[in-house]
N, C-alpha and C. Protein backbone atom coordinates (compact mmCIF):
# COMPACT_ATOMS: atom_id res chain seq x y z
N MET A 1 1.42 -0.92 -0.22
CA MET A 1 -0.16 0.46 0.05
C MET A 1 1.04 1.61 0.33
N ALA A 2 2.38 0.75 0.40
CA ALA A 2 2.92 1.74 0.60
C ALA A 2 3.60 3.11 -0.57
N ASN A 3 3.68 1.80 -1.71
CA ASN A 3 4.41 2.13 -2.94
C ASN A 3 3.41 2.50 -3.60
N ALA A 4 2.10 2.03 -3.68
CA ALA A 4 1.11 2.62 -4.12
C ALA A 4 0.86 4.22 -4.41
N GLU A 5 0.29 4.56 -2.73
CA GLU A 5 1.36 6.02 -2.42
C GLU A 5 1.61 6.91 -2.85
N LYS A 6 3.13 5.90 -2.66
CA LYS A 6 4.21 7.10 -2.73
C LYS A 6 4.72 7.45 -4.90
N LYS A 7 4.00 6.43 -5.51
CA LYS A 7 3.78 6.84 -6.82
C LYS A 7 3.09 7.91 -6.96
N GLU A 8 4.18 9.59 -7.65
CA GLU A 8 3.29 10.56 -8.24
C GLU A 8 2.49 10.30 -9.39
N LYS A 9 1.54 10.51 -9.65
CA LYS A 9 0.58 10.49 -10.94
C LYS A 9 1.28 11.73 -12.46
N ILE A 10 1.47 11.14 -13.17
CA ILE A 10 2.07 11.56 -13.89
C ILE A 10 1.12 12.90 -14.52
N GLY A 11 1.06 13.84 -15.46
CA GLY A 11 0.70 14.88 -15.16
C GLY A 11 0.12 13.77 -17.58
N PHE A 12 -1.24 14.82 -17.63
CA PHE A 12 -1.06 14.54 -19.01
C PHE A 12 -0.94 14.85 -19.99
N PHE A 13 -0.08 16.63 -19.85
CA PHE A 13 0.34 17.24 -20.84
C PHE A 13 2.49 16.40 -20.46
N LYS A 14 2.95 16.28 -19.55
CA LYS A 14 4.15 14.90 -19.82
C LYS A 14 3.90 13.72 -20.21
N ARG A 15 2.52 12.52 -19.67
CA ARG A 15 2.75 11.60 -20.83
C ARG A 15 2.11 11.75 -21.99
N ILE A 16 1.57 12.74 -22.83
CA ILE A 16 2.01 13.69 -24.01
C ILE A 16 3.58 14.17 -24.80
N GLY A 17 4.27 14.22 -24.01
CA GLY A 17 5.30 14.77 -24.13
C GLY A 17 6.27 13.63 -24.34
N ASN A 18 6.27 13.02 -23.56
CA ASN A 18 7.05 11.31 -23.23
C ASN A 18 6.16 10.75 -24.42
N PHE A 19 5.28 10.66 -25.13
CA PHE A 19 5.08 9.76 -26.29
C PHE A 19 5.18 10.46 -27.28
N PHE A 20 5.46 11.72 -27.55
CA PHE A 20 6.18 11.98 -28.84
C PHE A 20 7.64 11.86 -28.77
N LYS A 21 8.40 11.65 -27.25
CA LYS A 21 9.66 11.59 -27.61
C LYS A 21 9.76 10.26 -27.79
N ARG A 22 9.03 9.49 -27.39
CA ARG A 22 9.71 7.81 -27.83
C ARG A 22 9.07 7.67 -29.55
N ILE A 23 8.38 8.66 -29.80
CA ILE A 23 8.89 7.83 -31.73
C ILE A 23 9.74 8.66 -31.80
N GLY A 24 9.86 10.04 -31.36
CA GLY A 24 11.17 10.47 -32.10
C GLY A 24 12.35 9.49 -31.83
N ARG A 25 12.29 8.99 -30.69
CA ARG A 25 13.71 7.85 -30.47
C ARG A 25 13.19 6.84 -31.55
N PHE A 26 11.65 6.14 -31.15
CA PHE A 26 11.94 4.89 -32.30
C PHE A 26 12.33 5.47 -33.95
N PHE A 27 12.13 6.66 -34.38
CA PHE A 27 13.20 7.19 -35.60
C PHE A 27 14.46 7.58 -35.71
N LYS A 28 14.50 7.96 -34.91
CA LYS A 28 15.65 7.96 -34.59
C LYS A 28 16.19 6.95 -35.09
N ASN A 29 16.45 5.78 -34.46
CA ASN A 29 17.09 4.27 -34.15
C ASN A 29 16.84 3.26 -35.39
N MET A 30 15.67 3.68 -36.32
CA MET A 30 15.51 3.45 -37.59
C MET A 30 16.47 3.62 -38.43
N TRP A 31 16.48 5.12 -38.86
CA TRP A 31 17.67 5.78 -39.27
C TRP A 31 19.25 5.43 -38.81
N HIS A 32 19.48 5.41 -37.96
CA HIS A 32 20.74 4.44 -38.22
C HIS A 32 20.59 3.03 -38.56
N GLU A 33 19.70 2.15 -37.98
CA GLU A 33 19.90 1.11 -38.24
C GLU A 33 19.79 0.78 -39.98
N LEU A 34 18.71 2.20 -40.50
CA LEU A 34 18.72 1.94 -42.11
C LEU A 34 19.95 2.48 -42.82
N LYS A 35 21.11 2.93 -42.27
CA LYS A 35 22.58 3.43 -42.38
C LYS A 35 23.28 2.31 -42.96
N LYS A 36 23.28 1.44 -42.04
CA LYS A 36 24.20 -0.02 -41.42
C LYS A 36 23.80 -0.81 -43.26
N VAL A 37 21.87 -0.63 -43.46
CA VAL A 37 21.75 -1.40 -44.62
C VAL A 37 22.77 -1.62 -45.92
N THR A 38 23.07 -2.49 -46.28
CA THR A 38 23.81 -2.33 -47.79
C THR A 38 22.58 -3.13 -48.36
N TRP A 39 22.37 -2.06 -48.94
CA TRP A 39 21.46 -2.14 -50.30
C TRP A 39 22.43 -2.47 -51.96
N PRO A 40 21.25 -3.35 -52.49
CA PRO A 40 21.52 -3.60 -53.82
C PRO A 40 21.36 -2.62 -54.61
N THR A 41 22.75 -3.05 -56.22
CA THR A 41 22.61 -2.27 -57.11
C THR A 41 21.65 -2.24 -58.00
N GLY A 42 21.44 -1.46 -58.59
CA GLY A 42 20.22 -1.77 -59.35
C GLY A 42 20.43 -2.75 -60.71
N LYS A 43 21.67 -3.45 -60.97
CA LYS A 43 22.17 -4.21 -61.34
C LYS A 43 21.72 -4.85 -61.11
N ASP A 44 21.48 -5.43 -59.89
CA ASP A 44 21.04 -6.29 -58.72
C ASP A 44 19.93 -7.21 -58.93
N VAL A 45 19.64 -5.78 -58.02
CA VAL A 45 17.77 -5.68 -58.21
C VAL A 45 17.08 -5.73 -59.76
N LEU A 46 17.40 -4.69 -60.50
CA LEU A 46 17.04 -5.86 -62.30
C LEU A 46 17.43 -7.40 -61.96
N ASN A 47 18.64 -8.03 -61.76
CA ASN A 47 18.67 -9.70 -61.86
C ASN A 47 17.35 -10.07 -61.12
N TYR A 48 17.51 -9.84 -60.00
CA TYR A 48 16.53 -10.95 -58.62
C TYR A 48 14.73 -10.41 -59.47
N SER A 49 14.61 -9.16 -60.01
CA SER A 49 13.51 -8.89 -61.09
C SER A 49 13.34 -9.79 -61.94
N LEU A 50 13.93 -9.50 -62.85
CA LEU A 50 13.76 -11.05 -63.59
C LEU A 50 14.17 -12.37 -63.46
N VAL A 51 14.60 -12.69 -62.11
CA VAL A 51 14.41 -14.20 -61.77
C VAL A 51 12.79 -14.17 -60.90
N VAL A 52 12.59 -13.39 -60.77
CA VAL A 52 11.37 -13.69 -60.21
C VAL A 52 10.53 -13.59 -61.00
N PHE A 53 10.35 -12.76 -62.80
CA PHE A 53 9.29 -12.89 -63.24
C PHE A 53 9.58 -14.15 -64.07
N ALA A 54 10.85 -14.94 -63.91
CA ALA A 54 10.42 -15.90 -64.90
C ALA A 54 9.52 -17.11 -64.19
N PHE A 55 10.91 -17.30 -62.65
CA PHE A 55 9.64 -17.84 -61.66
C PHE A 55 8.43 -18.00 -61.72
N MET A 56 8.01 -16.46 -61.89
CA MET A 56 5.86 -16.61 -61.99
C MET A 56 5.59 -16.95 -63.17
N VAL A 57 6.25 -17.03 -64.68
CA VAL A 57 5.56 -17.31 -65.20
C VAL A 57 6.13 -18.99 -65.78
N ILE A 58 6.59 -19.30 -65.32
CA ILE A 58 6.93 -20.82 -65.16
C ILE A 58 5.26 -21.57 -64.46
N MET A 59 5.66 -20.67 -63.16
CA MET A 59 4.70 -21.49 -61.99
C MET A 59 3.38 -21.14 -62.93
N GLY A 60 2.92 -19.87 -63.16
CA GLY A 60 1.90 -20.03 -64.87
C GLY A 60 1.80 -21.02 -65.65
N VAL A 61 2.40 -21.41 -66.16
CA VAL A 61 2.56 -22.12 -67.60
C VAL A 61 1.99 -23.39 -66.22
N ILE A 62 2.87 -23.65 -65.57
CA ILE A 62 2.67 -25.11 -64.95
C ILE A 62 1.57 -25.13 -63.98
N ILE A 63 1.07 -24.45 -63.65
CA ILE A 63 -0.47 -24.23 -63.24
C ILE A 63 -1.44 -24.42 -63.70
N GLY A 64 -1.24 -23.47 -65.29
CA GLY A 64 -1.74 -23.85 -66.73
C GLY A 64 -2.32 -24.81 -66.95
N VAL A 65 -0.95 -26.57 -66.72
CA VAL A 65 -1.12 -27.25 -67.42
C VAL A 65 -1.92 -28.22 -66.66
N ILE A 66 -2.21 -28.04 -65.48
CA ILE A 66 -2.24 -28.59 -64.48
C ILE A 66 -3.78 -28.36 -64.69
N ASP A 67 -4.37 -27.01 -64.63
CA ASP A 67 -6.05 -26.68 -65.04
C ASP A 67 -6.39 -27.06 -66.56
N PHE A 68 -5.73 -26.89 -67.02
CA PHE A 68 -6.28 -27.92 -68.29
C PHE A 68 -6.39 -28.78 -68.14
N GLY A 69 -5.38 -29.58 -67.22
CA GLY A 69 -5.18 -31.81 -67.77
C GLY A 69 -6.36 -31.72 -66.31
N SER A 70 -6.61 -31.44 -65.40
CA SER A 70 -7.78 -31.53 -64.58
C SER A 70 -8.69 -32.01 -64.89
N GLY A 71 -9.41 -30.35 -66.17
CA GLY A 71 -10.67 -29.65 -66.91
C GLY A 71 -10.96 -31.02 -67.88
N ALA A 72 -9.85 -31.36 -68.65
CA ALA A 72 -9.62 -32.58 -69.60
C ALA A 72 -10.45 -33.48 -68.79
N LEU A 73 -10.24 -34.20 -67.60
CA LEU A 73 -10.10 -35.27 -67.10
C LEU A 73 -11.47 -35.51 -66.38
N ILE A 74 -12.01 -33.93 -65.85
CA ILE A 74 -13.71 -34.02 -65.42
C ILE A 74 -14.12 -34.53 -66.78
N ASP A 75 -14.17 -33.93 -67.47
CA ASP A 75 -15.09 -33.62 -68.63
C ASP A 75 -14.72 -35.32 -69.80
N TRP A 76 -13.78 -36.02 -69.33
CA TRP A 76 -13.67 -36.87 -69.96
C TRP A 76 -14.02 -38.30 -68.79
N ILE A 77 -14.53 -38.01 -67.97
CA ILE A 77 -15.44 -38.42 -66.62
C ILE A 77 -16.87 -38.74 -66.75
N ILE A 78 -16.88 -37.29 -66.47
CA ILE A 78 -18.43 -36.88 -66.89
C ILE A 78 -19.54 -37.42 -68.14
N LYS A 79 -18.22 -37.46 -69.14
CA LYS A 79 -18.97 -38.10 -70.83
C LYS A 79 -19.80 -39.91 -70.26
N LEU A 80 -18.65 -40.08 -69.85
CA LEU A 80 -18.68 -41.62 -69.75
C LEU A 80 -19.68 -41.81 -69.08
């Protein structure tokens, strides 16, 4: 009970000020971490993008073939 009485109540404006300090500290820390990042070159980004695009095309063809084959199989089963 003594601890509860000793705690002082923090005022509204003090809490608002602490809130904005914490937000500022967050963005400051984020900026420092982003400066440590090794960013890819434009050539690397282009290569990665082409690899992803090629993968999407290949997967689209595979899924299309499976869809076409399963549709033909269903049609064949229905005609029986």
